[in-house]
């Protein structure tokens, strides 16, 4: 037996000294042996600072029998993992069942067979070592996963702070009306590229949250037609290379500038659905064929994406399941699965229709609007009186990203606000709140040192600050006001 095995300690428990002597004779060459002649002594040794690696336990003992010793040890977190092998003259099936139910790993019948004792002890020590190694590996994997999640979270936060400017500033510039058409086109390309990058960043995290039921949905009015135009632009090169054409119909008529098609959802989630399904349609559609996107308002908003390709019969039933794919080079089966998961999260439905004659249609139904578009704007800014009050308000912007603070200020200036204070973190925000009169706080949720919700708690618990309106903003598709 190898040197490492000799490090193991065996506790032999039996009220008959002769049996202990026999076990010691079998095992002492290979293991360190501890001895107990009753259950109380066995418990004391097992629950000491140097517990045994395995216990050979007699069943029939006075005062405390082996079954009770086993029950106590298995109920104790510190000793529950020690393998227990019962050694007994009892040979009824119900006796063995009782021992296994209490947590024993094996039985050895009296009288002992030395080869049997050695083989059973060696096997269960190796199993315990394997379990401990596996547990350590699992802990390392969990720790690496936590580290990866922390790094990814920091990366997403930093990237999103910059991307917010890429996405939000171009439409603000385009509203000025003094730009050349080429400049407007370039700004639109910049905005669309920003959306595409944000979609990539969001996809991995959001899908995991949906699968685990942890995603927090914050529905808002979404212009589906605007997103379709963005998706078309992203895939224009692939469409042209295949000689395809795309028709977009709104309520049965070709879409024109100024049209809108609204649904209730989250803009980035709706974008992800459309990007996945439209890309699938472009890839599946034969060269030179027409792809049609039809938008209808029935009981709920309906998006129908049709192409003349056909979904293989063998995956039609599993089309929206994870990793379902057939014959597509480089296909992962995650695109349609992601679209289905997101649609379900948005409280919508998705359906496949496919045949050789009619081609393939993917039908997505989303919830209808809870409020009419523009109502929120009318309620928030309305008349000249409110604009005048904007000039006297002082707003505290708290965010560790300077780009994000500047972007928020640009947006608020366009809304008529003129007075601002800036803080890089929650601690600096508290110092400003104690020295300046602040009328509104807008804070990032994820910041180093003090999180935005911690800052909120501090503000709400401080006399004189508790009634200041407070907005929490985050790149994780969540905006709350409190």
Protein backbone atom coordinates (compact mmCIF):
# COMPACT_ATOMS: atom_id res chain seq x y z
CA UNK A 1 0.00 0.00 0.00
CA UNK A 2 1.37 3.48 -0.86
CA UNK A 3 2.73 5.92 1.69
CA UNK A 4 -0.22 8.34 1.41
CA UNK A 5 -2.67 5.63 2.48
CA UNK A 6 -0.82 5.20 5.83
CA UNK A 7 -1.87 8.73 6.77
CA UNK A 8 -5.50 7.65 7.14
CA UNK A 9 -6.92 7.06 10.61
CA UNK A 10 -9.48 4.34 11.29
CA UNK A 11 -11.72 4.35 14.37
CA UNK A 12 -12.71 0.80 15.39
CA UNK A 13 -15.73 0.66 17.69
CA UNK A 14 -16.77 -2.61 19.39
CA UNK A 15 -17.64 -3.53 22.99
CA UNK A 16 -15.79 -6.85 22.61
CA UNK A 17 -11.99 -6.39 23.04
CA UNK A 18 -11.28 -9.58 21.08
CA UNK A 19 -12.99 -8.11 18.00
CA UNK A 20 -10.94 -4.90 18.39
CA UNK A 21 -7.76 -6.98 18.52
CA UNK A 22 -8.72 -8.78 15.30
CA UNK A 23 -9.44 -5.49 13.48
CA UNK A 24 -6.19 -3.96 14.74
CA UNK A 25 -4.29 -6.98 13.50
CA UNK A 26 -5.84 -6.65 10.04
CA UNK A 27 -5.36 -2.88 9.67
CA UNK A 28 -2.43 -1.67 11.77
CA UNK A 29 0.21 -2.22 9.06
CA UNK A 30 -1.54 0.19 6.69
CA UNK A 31 -3.49 2.62 8.90
CA UNK A 32 -3.36 4.45 12.20
CA UNK A 33 -5.93 2.81 14.49
CA UNK A 34 -8.03 4.46 17.22
CA UNK A 35 -10.15 2.30 19.53
CA UNK A 36 -13.48 2.78 21.34
CA UNK A 37 -15.20 0.10 23.43
CA UNK A 38 -18.57 1.93 23.63
CA UNK A 39 -20.70 4.48 21.82
CA UNK A 40 -19.92 7.40 24.13
CA UNK A 41 -16.17 6.99 23.59
CA UNK A 42 -16.73 6.67 19.83
CA UNK A 43 -18.66 9.96 19.73
CA UNK A 44 -15.98 11.74 21.77
CA UNK A 45 -13.20 10.61 19.41
CA UNK A 46 -15.20 11.31 16.23
CA UNK A 47 -16.19 14.82 17.40
CA UNK A 48 -12.68 15.75 18.58
CA UNK A 49 -10.26 18.10 16.84
CA UNK A 50 -8.64 15.08 15.12
CA UNK A 51 -11.54 13.01 13.81
CA UNK A 52 -10.94 9.68 12.03
CA UNK A 53 -11.09 9.29 8.27
CA UNK A 54 -13.35 6.24 8.49
CA UNK A 55 -15.28 4.41 11.26
CA UNK A 56 -15.78 0.66 11.65
CA UNK A 57 -18.82 0.53 13.92
CA UNK A 58 -20.35 -2.40 15.79
CA UNK A 59 -24.15 -2.37 15.91
CA UNK A 60 -24.94 -4.30 19.10
CA UNK A 61 -23.46 -2.36 22.04
CA UNK A 62 -24.82 -1.52 25.52
CA UNK A 63 -26.11 1.97 26.41
CA UNK A 64 -25.71 3.51 22.93
CA UNK A 65 -25.89 1.11 20.00
CA UNK A 66 -24.21 1.60 16.63
CA UNK A 67 -27.38 2.89 14.96
CA UNK A 68 -27.66 5.75 17.47
CA UNK A 69 -23.96 6.60 17.14
CA UNK A 70 -24.39 6.73 13.35
CA UNK A 71 -27.50 8.94 13.62
CA UNK A 72 -25.72 11.45 15.90
CA UNK A 73 -22.63 11.66 13.68
CA UNK A 74 -24.64 12.10 10.47
CA UNK A 75 -26.69 14.87 12.10
CA UNK A 76 -23.52 16.79 12.99
CA UNK A 77 -22.18 18.93 10.15
CA UNK A 78 -18.60 18.43 11.34
CA UNK A 79 -18.79 14.61 11.22
CA UNK A 80 -21.47 13.94 8.63
CA UNK A 81 -18.96 13.22 5.85
CA UNK A 82 -17.02 10.51 7.74
CA UNK A 83 -17.71 7.12 6.08
CA UNK A 84 -19.24 4.59 8.50
CA UNK A 85 -19.05 0.84 7.87
CA UNK A 86 -21.19 -1.28 10.17
CA UNK A 87 -19.59 -4.48 11.48
CA UNK A 88 -22.27 -6.81 12.82
CA UNK A 89 -23.53 -10.34 13.21
CA UNK A 90 -27.01 -9.16 12.23
CA UNK A 91 -27.76 -10.48 8.77
CA UNK A 92 -31.40 -9.61 8.15
CA UNK A 93 -32.25 -7.42 5.18
CA UNK A 94 -34.19 -4.97 7.37
CA UNK A 95 -31.08 -4.46 9.53
CA UNK A 96 -29.01 -3.49 6.49
CA UNK A 97 -31.76 -1.21 5.19
CA UNK A 98 -31.93 0.60 8.55
CA UNK A 99 -28.16 1.15 8.54
CA UNK A 100 -28.13 2.52 5.00
CA UNK A 101 -31.06 4.81 5.78
CA UNK A 102 -29.07 6.26 8.69
CA UNK A 103 -26.15 7.02 6.36
CA UNK A 104 -23.79 4.04 6.58
CA UNK A 105 -21.80 3.31 3.41
CA UNK A 106 -21.34 -0.46 3.85
CA UNK A 107 -21.77 -3.60 5.98
CA UNK A 108 -19.14 -6.21 6.99
CA UNK A 109 -20.46 -9.41 8.52
CA UNK A 110 -18.91 -11.10 11.55
CA UNK A 111 -16.72 -13.12 11.69
CA UNK A 112 -14.32 -10.83 9.79
CA UNK A 113 -12.63 -11.79 6.56
CA UNK A 114 -9.31 -9.87 6.49
CA UNK A 115 -9.27 -9.41 2.68
CA UNK A 116 -12.87 -8.17 2.81
CA UNK A 117 -12.12 -5.67 5.59
CA UNK A 118 -9.03 -4.34 3.78
CA UNK A 119 -10.82 -4.08 0.43
CA UNK A 120 -13.90 -2.32 1.84
CA UNK A 121 -11.85 0.15 3.90
CA UNK A 122 -9.56 0.98 0.98
CA UNK A 123 -12.49 1.45 -1.44
CA UNK A 124 -14.43 3.81 0.83
CA UNK A 125 -11.38 5.88 1.73
CA UNK A 126 -10.66 6.33 -1.97
CA UNK A 127 -14.30 7.32 -2.55
CA UNK A 128 -14.10 9.89 0.23
CA UNK A 129 -10.88 11.29 -1.19
CA UNK A 130 -12.50 11.51 -4.64
CA UNK A 131 -15.52 13.34 -3.18
CA UNK A 132 -13.29 15.80 -1.33
CA UNK A 133 -11.26 16.48 -4.47
CA UNK A 134 -14.44 16.99 -6.46
CA UNK A 135 -15.78 19.36 -3.81
CA UNK A 136 -12.55 21.40 -3.93
CA UNK A 137 -12.72 21.53 -7.72
CA UNK A 138 -16.35 22.69 -7.55
CA UNK A 139 -15.38 25.44 -5.11
CA UNK A 140 -12.60 26.55 -7.46
CA UNK A 141 -15.06 26.55 -10.37
CA UNK A 142 -17.58 28.58 -8.35
CA UNK A 143 -14.91 31.05 -7.29
CA UNK A 144 -13.70 31.43 -10.89
CA UNK A 145 -17.31 31.92 -12.00
CA UNK A 146 -17.83 34.61 -9.36
CA UNK A 147 -14.60 36.31 -10.43
CA UNK A 148 -15.63 36.15 -14.09
CA UNK A 149 -19.06 37.58 -13.26
CA UNK A 150 -17.47 40.42 -11.28
CA UNK A 151 -15.09 41.24 -14.15
CA UNK A 152 -17.89 41.01 -16.70
CA UNK A 153 -20.12 43.22 -14.56
CA UNK A 154 -17.42 45.89 -14.28
CA UNK A 155 -16.72 45.64 -18.02
CA UNK A 156 -20.40 45.91 -18.94
CA UNK A 157 -20.84 48.87 -16.62
CA UNK A 158 -17.87 50.76 -18.10
CA UNK A 159 -18.80 49.94 -21.70
CA UNK A 160 -22.45 50.88 -21.23
CA UNK A 161 -21.55 54.24 -19.72
CA UNK A 162 -19.70 55.15 -22.92
CA UNK A 163 -22.28 53.53 -25.20
CA UNK A 164 -25.07 55.62 -23.69
CA UNK A 165 -23.42 58.66 -25.20
CA UNK A 166 -22.96 56.91 -28.57
CA UNK A 167 -26.67 56.03 -28.63
CA UNK A 168 -28.26 59.13 -27.13
CA UNK A 169 -26.22 62.03 -28.51
CA UNK A 170 -26.73 61.40 -32.30
CA UNK A 171 -30.56 61.81 -32.21
CA UNK A 172 -30.15 64.97 -30.11
CA UNK A 173 -27.80 66.42 -32.71
CA UNK A 174 -30.10 65.39 -35.56
CA UNK A 175 -32.98 67.32 -33.97
CA UNK A 176 -31.11 70.61 -34.46
CA UNK A 177 -32.12 70.68 -38.13
CA UNK A 178 -28.99 72.49 -39.36
CA UNK A 179 -27.03 69.43 -40.49
CA UNK A 180 -26.30 68.28 -43.99
CA UNK A 181 -27.97 65.07 -45.16
CA UNK A 182 -24.63 63.22 -45.18
CA UNK A 183 -24.00 64.29 -41.57
CA UNK A 184 -27.44 63.07 -40.54
CA UNK A 185 -26.78 59.76 -42.26
CA UNK A 186 -23.46 59.34 -40.45
CA UNK A 187 -25.04 60.16 -37.08
CA UNK A 188 -27.75 57.59 -37.77
CA UNK A 189 -25.08 54.99 -38.55
CA UNK A 190 -23.33 55.85 -35.28
CA UNK A 191 -26.56 55.44 -33.31
CA UNK A 192 -27.36 52.11 -34.98
CA UNK A 193 -23.84 50.80 -34.36
CA UNK A 194 -24.21 51.76 -30.71
CA UNK A 195 -27.43 49.77 -30.45
CA UNK A 196 -25.75 46.77 -32.01
CA UNK A 197 -22.86 46.91 -29.54
CA UNK A 198 -25.25 47.33 -26.61
CA UNK A 199 -27.25 44.34 -27.85
CA UNK A 200 -24.10 42.19 -27.79
CA UNK A 201 -23.23 43.31 -24.26
CA UNK A 202 -26.72 42.76 -22.89
CA UNK A 203 -27.45 39.42 -24.52
CA UNK A 204 -25.20 37.17 -22.42
CA UNK A 205 -26.27 38.52 -19.04
CA UNK A 206 -29.96 39.06 -19.77
CA UNK A 207 -30.49 35.56 -21.14
CA UNK A 208 -28.92 34.02 -18.03
CA UNK A 209 -31.18 36.13 -15.79
CA UNK A 210 -34.25 35.05 -17.76
CA UNK A 211 -33.33 31.38 -17.54
CA UNK A 212 -32.93 31.64 -13.77
CA UNK A 213 -36.06 33.77 -13.28
CA UNK A 214 -34.07 36.77 -11.99
CA UNK A 215 -34.73 39.24 -14.79
CA UNK A 216 -36.57 42.39 -13.70
CA UNK A 217 -38.89 43.55 -16.46
CA UNK A 218 -39.53 47.29 -16.80
CA UNK A 219 -42.00 47.69 -19.70
CA UNK A 220 -42.21 50.93 -21.68
CA UNK A 221 -43.60 52.02 -25.06
CA UNK A 222 -41.35 50.77 -27.88
CA UNK A 223 -41.42 51.83 -31.54
CA UNK A 224 -41.01 48.45 -33.26
CA UNK A 225 -40.71 50.04 -36.71
CA UNK A 226 -37.70 52.10 -35.60
CA UNK A 227 -35.96 48.93 -34.40
CA UNK A 228 -36.74 47.09 -37.64
CA UNK A 229 -35.02 49.85 -39.60
CA UNK A 230 -31.97 49.52 -37.35
CA UNK A 231 -31.87 45.75 -37.83
CA UNK A 232 -32.22 46.13 -41.62
CA UNK A 233 -29.26 48.50 -41.66
CA UNK A 234 -27.15 46.05 -39.64
CA UNK A 235 -27.76 43.23 -42.14
CA UNK A 236 -27.75 45.26 -45.35
CA UNK A 237 -24.47 43.77 -46.54
CA UNK A 238 -25.74 40.20 -46.20
CA UNK A 239 -29.05 41.09 -47.86
CA UNK A 240 -27.27 42.65 -50.84
CA UNK A 241 -24.84 39.76 -51.22
CA UNK A 242 -27.76 37.33 -51.58
CA UNK A 243 -29.71 39.60 -53.91
CA UNK A 244 -32.64 39.67 -51.52
CA UNK A 245 -35.19 42.41 -51.00
CA UNK A 246 -37.07 43.39 -47.86
CA UNK A 247 -40.63 44.74 -47.66
CA UNK A 248 -41.91 46.31 -44.44
CA UNK A 249 -45.68 46.65 -44.19
CA UNK A 250 -47.47 48.62 -41.50
CA UNK A 251 -51.17 47.79 -41.21
CA UNK A 252 -51.09 46.40 -44.74
CA UNK A 253 -49.35 49.39 -46.36
CA UNK A 254 -45.64 49.95 -47.20
CA UNK A 255 -43.86 51.72 -44.35
CA UNK A 256 -43.00 55.37 -44.97
CA UNK A 257 -41.07 58.03 -43.06
CA UNK A 258 -43.01 59.14 -40.03
CA UNK A 259 -44.77 55.81 -39.49
CA UNK A 260 -44.66 54.19 -36.08
CA UNK A 261 -45.77 50.84 -34.69
CA UNK A 262 -45.88 50.78 -30.91
CA UNK A 263 -45.87 47.90 -28.43
CA UNK A 264 -45.25 47.51 -24.73
CA UNK A 265 -41.83 46.06 -23.89
CA UNK A 266 -38.19 47.02 -23.39
CA UNK A 267 -36.39 48.57 -26.33
CA UNK A 268 -33.21 46.49 -26.11
CA UNK A 269 -35.14 43.24 -25.61
CA UNK A 270 -37.39 43.97 -28.58
CA UNK A 271 -34.30 44.82 -30.62
CA UNK A 272 -32.76 41.48 -29.66
CA UNK A 273 -35.88 39.56 -30.76
CA UNK A 274 -36.00 41.32 -34.12
CA UNK A 275 -32.25 41.02 -34.71
CA UNK A 276 -32.26 37.27 -34.05
CA UNK A 277 -35.38 36.49 -36.09
CA UNK A 278 -34.52 38.75 -39.02
CA UNK A 279 -30.98 37.38 -39.22
CA UNK A 280 -32.49 33.89 -39.23
CA UNK A 281 -34.82 34.86 -42.07
CA UNK A 282 -31.99 36.35 -44.16
CA UNK A 283 -29.88 33.21 -43.69
CA UNK A 284 -32.76 30.83 -44.46
CA UNK A 285 -34.22 32.70 -47.41
CA UNK A 286 -33.04 31.56 -50.89
CA UNK A 287 -30.99 33.96 -52.97
CA UNK A 288 -32.99 36.60 -54.83
CA UNK A 289 -36.14 36.04 -52.76
CA UNK A 290 -38.23 38.58 -50.89
CA UNK A 291 -38.42 38.85 -47.09
CA UNK A 292 -41.56 40.48 -45.71
CA UNK A 293 -42.04 42.03 -42.29
CA UNK A 294 -45.71 42.73 -41.58
CA UNK A 295 -46.90 44.75 -38.59
CA UNK A 296 -50.56 44.40 -37.60
CA UNK A 297 -52.64 45.66 -34.68
CA UNK A 298 -55.08 42.93 -33.72
CA UNK A 299 -55.92 42.16 -30.10
CA UNK A 300 -52.24 42.70 -29.45
CA UNK A 301 -49.42 44.00 -31.71
CA UNK A 302 -48.36 41.28 -34.18
CA UNK A 303 -44.95 41.13 -35.91
CA UNK A 304 -44.78 38.62 -38.78
CA UNK A 305 -41.42 37.89 -40.45
CA UNK A 306 -41.78 35.77 -43.59
CA UNK A 307 -39.27 34.23 -45.99
CA UNK A 308 -39.50 31.53 -48.66
CA UNK A 309 -37.08 29.15 -46.92
CA UNK A 310 -38.30 26.03 -45.13
CA UNK A 311 -37.44 24.85 -41.64
CA UNK A 312 -36.29 21.19 -41.77
CA UNK A 313 -39.03 18.87 -40.59
CA UNK A 314 -36.82 17.24 -37.93
CA UNK A 315 -36.45 20.46 -35.91
CA UNK A 316 -39.85 22.10 -36.37
CA UNK A 317 -41.11 20.75 -33.06
CA UNK A 318 -37.94 21.87 -31.26
CA UNK A 319 -37.30 25.06 -33.24
CA UNK A 320 -37.30 27.35 -30.19
CA UNK A 321 -35.41 24.96 -27.91
CA UNK A 322 -31.82 25.57 -26.87
CA UNK A 323 -29.19 24.37 -29.39
CA UNK A 324 -31.81 23.25 -31.91
CA UNK A 325 -30.18 23.53 -35.35
CA UNK A 326 -29.95 21.55 -38.54
CA UNK A 327 -27.63 21.83 -41.51
CA UNK A 328 -26.57 25.44 -40.86
CA UNK A 329 -22.80 25.90 -40.86
CA UNK A 330 -21.73 27.56 -37.64
CA UNK A 331 -25.27 27.51 -36.27
CA UNK A 332 -25.62 27.34 -32.48
CA UNK A 333 -29.39 27.11 -32.11
CA UNK A 334 -29.28 30.01 -29.63
CA UNK A 335 -30.79 32.75 -31.80
CA UNK A 336 -34.37 31.46 -31.90
CA UNK A 337 -34.08 30.14 -28.34
CA UNK A 338 -33.06 33.63 -27.19
CA UNK A 339 -35.94 35.22 -29.12
CA UNK A 340 -38.40 32.79 -27.56
CA UNK A 341 -37.07 33.34 -24.03
CA UNK A 342 -37.18 37.14 -24.42
CA UNK A 343 -40.70 37.09 -25.88
CA UNK A 344 -41.90 35.02 -22.93
CA UNK A 345 -40.20 37.46 -20.53
CA UNK A 346 -42.06 40.33 -22.22
CA UNK A 347 -45.34 38.42 -21.64
CA UNK A 348 -45.73 37.80 -25.36
CA UNK A 349 -45.95 34.73 -27.58
CA UNK A 350 -43.94 33.43 -30.54
CA UNK A 351 -45.04 30.91 -33.17
CA UNK A 352 -43.49 29.13 -36.15
CA UNK A 353 -45.30 28.33 -39.40
CA UNK A 354 -43.33 26.50 -42.09
CA UNK A 355 -44.14 24.49 -45.20
CA UNK A 356 -42.62 23.78 -48.63
CA UNK A 357 -45.38 25.70 -50.36
CA UNK A 358 -45.74 28.82 -48.20
CA UNK A 359 -42.23 29.21 -46.77
CA UNK A 360 -41.62 30.18 -43.14
CA UNK A 361 -43.28 32.76 -40.92
CA UNK A 362 -42.26 33.70 -37.40
CA UNK A 363 -45.12 35.41 -35.60
CA UNK A 364 -44.42 37.45 -32.47
CA UNK A 365 -47.21 38.94 -30.38
CA UNK A 366 -46.28 41.57 -27.80
CA UNK A 367 -48.41 43.30 -25.15
CA UNK A 368 -50.31 46.39 -26.25
CA UNK A 369 -49.49 49.83 -24.90
CA UNK A 370 -50.51 50.72 -21.38
CA UNK A 371 -50.27 54.46 -22.19
CA UNK A 372 -50.46 56.41 -25.39
CA UNK A 373 -47.03 57.49 -26.77
CA UNK A 374 -46.14 61.01 -25.69
CA UNK A 375 -48.42 60.98 -22.65
CA UNK A 376 -45.47 60.74 -20.29
CA UNK A 377 -43.80 63.73 -21.91
CA UNK A 378 -46.96 65.81 -21.68
CA UNK A 379 -47.36 64.93 -18.03
CA UNK A 380 -43.74 65.69 -17.14
CA UNK A 381 -42.86 68.94 -18.90
CA UNK A 382 -46.00 70.55 -20.26
CA UNK A 383 -46.25 74.30 -19.90
CA UNK A 384 -44.14 77.43 -19.50
CA UNK A 385 -44.65 77.44 -15.74
CA UNK A 386 -42.87 74.10 -15.35
CA UNK A 387 -40.07 75.25 -17.64
CA UNK A 388 -39.59 78.32 -15.46
CA UNK A 389 -39.33 76.12 -12.35
CA UNK A 390 -36.67 74.06 -14.13
CA UNK A 391 -34.39 77.10 -14.12
CA UNK A 392 -34.45 77.37 -10.33
CA UNK A 393 -33.92 73.66 -9.56
CA UNK A 394 -30.49 72.27 -8.68
CA UNK A 395 -29.92 68.67 -9.71
CA UNK A 396 -27.21 66.45 -8.24
CA UNK A 397 -25.79 63.98 -10.79
CA UNK A 398 -23.92 61.09 -9.13
CA UNK A 399 -22.02 58.67 -11.38
CA UNK A 400 -18.46 57.34 -11.43
CA UNK A 401 -18.36 57.89 -15.22
CA UNK A 402 -17.67 61.47 -16.31
CA UNK A 403 -19.06 60.69 -19.78
CA UNK A 404 -22.35 59.55 -18.26
CA UNK A 405 -22.65 62.65 -16.07
CA UNK A 406 -22.03 64.88 -19.08
CA UNK A 407 -24.58 63.04 -21.18
CA UNK A 408 -27.28 63.33 -18.48
CA UNK A 409 -26.58 67.04 -18.17
CA UNK A 410 -26.86 67.50 -21.97
CA UNK A 411 -30.25 65.78 -21.96
CA UNK A 412 -31.50 67.79 -18.97
CA UNK A 413 -30.31 71.08 -20.50
CA UNK A 414 -32.46 70.37 -23.55
CA UNK A 415 -35.39 69.92 -21.17
CA UNK A 416 -34.77 73.38 -19.66
CA UNK A 417 -32.77 72.54 -16.54
CA UNK A 418 -29.72 74.73 -15.93
CA UNK A 419 -28.30 74.17 -12.42
CA UNK A 420 -26.24 71.04 -11.69
CA UNK A 421 -23.83 69.56 -9.16
CA UNK A 422 -21.69 66.50 -9.93
CA UNK A 423 -20.38 63.72 -7.69
CA UNK A 424 -18.16 60.76 -8.61
CA UNK A 425 -19.49 58.49 -5.84
CA UNK A 426 -21.96 58.26 -2.98
CA UNK A 427 -19.62 59.70 -0.36
CA UNK A 428 -18.97 62.83 -2.42
CA UNK A 429 -22.73 63.13 -3.05
CA UNK A 430 -23.39 63.14 0.72
CA UNK A 431 -20.82 65.90 1.23
CA UNK A 432 -22.56 68.02 -1.44
CA UNK A 433 -25.98 67.32 0.07
CA UNK A 434 -24.75 68.59 3.43
CA UNK A 435 -23.47 71.86 1.95
CA UNK A 436 -25.76 72.64 -1.01
CA UNK A 437 -29.53 72.93 -1.49
CA UNK A 438 -30.40 70.06 -3.84
CA UNK A 439 -33.88 69.67 -5.39
CA UNK A 440 -33.39 66.38 -7.29
CA UNK A 441 -30.88 63.51 -7.17
CA UNK A 442 -30.02 61.30 -10.15
CA UNK A 443 -27.64 58.49 -9.19
CA UNK A 444 -26.03 55.53 -10.89
CA UNK A 445 -26.90 52.23 -9.19
CA UNK A 446 -23.51 50.52 -9.59
CA UNK A 447 -20.66 52.64 -8.23
CA UNK A 448 -17.44 51.83 -6.37
CA UNK A 449 -17.42 52.47 -2.63
CA UNK A 450 -21.11 53.20 -2.13
CA UNK A 451 -23.86 51.78 -4.35
CA UNK A 452 -26.70 54.00 -5.48
CA UNK A 453 -29.26 52.18 -3.33
CA UNK A 454 -26.98 52.68 -0.30
CA UNK A 455 -26.90 56.40 -1.08
CA UNK A 456 -30.69 56.35 -1.31
CA UNK A 457 -30.96 54.78 2.15
CA UNK A 458 -28.60 57.40 3.59
CA UNK A 459 -30.65 60.21 2.05
CA UNK A 460 -33.97 58.79 3.24
CA UNK A 461 -32.65 58.39 6.80
CA UNK A 462 -31.16 61.92 7.06
CA UNK A 463 -33.35 64.69 8.44
CA UNK A 464 -33.80 67.50 5.94
CA UNK A 465 -32.90 65.28 2.95
CA UNK A 466 -35.54 62.57 3.24
CA UNK A 467 -38.04 64.23 0.86
CA UNK A 468 -35.67 64.99 -2.05
CA UNK A 469 -36.86 63.17 -5.23
CA UNK A 470 -34.34 60.43 -6.08
CA UNK A 471 -33.80 58.63 -9.41
CA UNK A 472 -31.69 55.46 -9.66
CA UNK A 473 -30.25 54.81 -13.12
CA UNK A 474 -28.35 51.75 -14.33
CA UNK A 475 -27.10 50.23 -17.57
CA UNK A 476 -28.89 46.96 -16.72
CA UNK A 477 -32.12 48.14 -18.42
CA UNK A 478 -33.55 49.42 -15.13
CA UNK A 479 -34.61 52.92 -14.17
CA UNK A 480 -36.48 53.55 -10.91
CA UNK A 481 -37.67 56.70 -9.22
CA UNK A 482 -38.27 56.92 -5.52
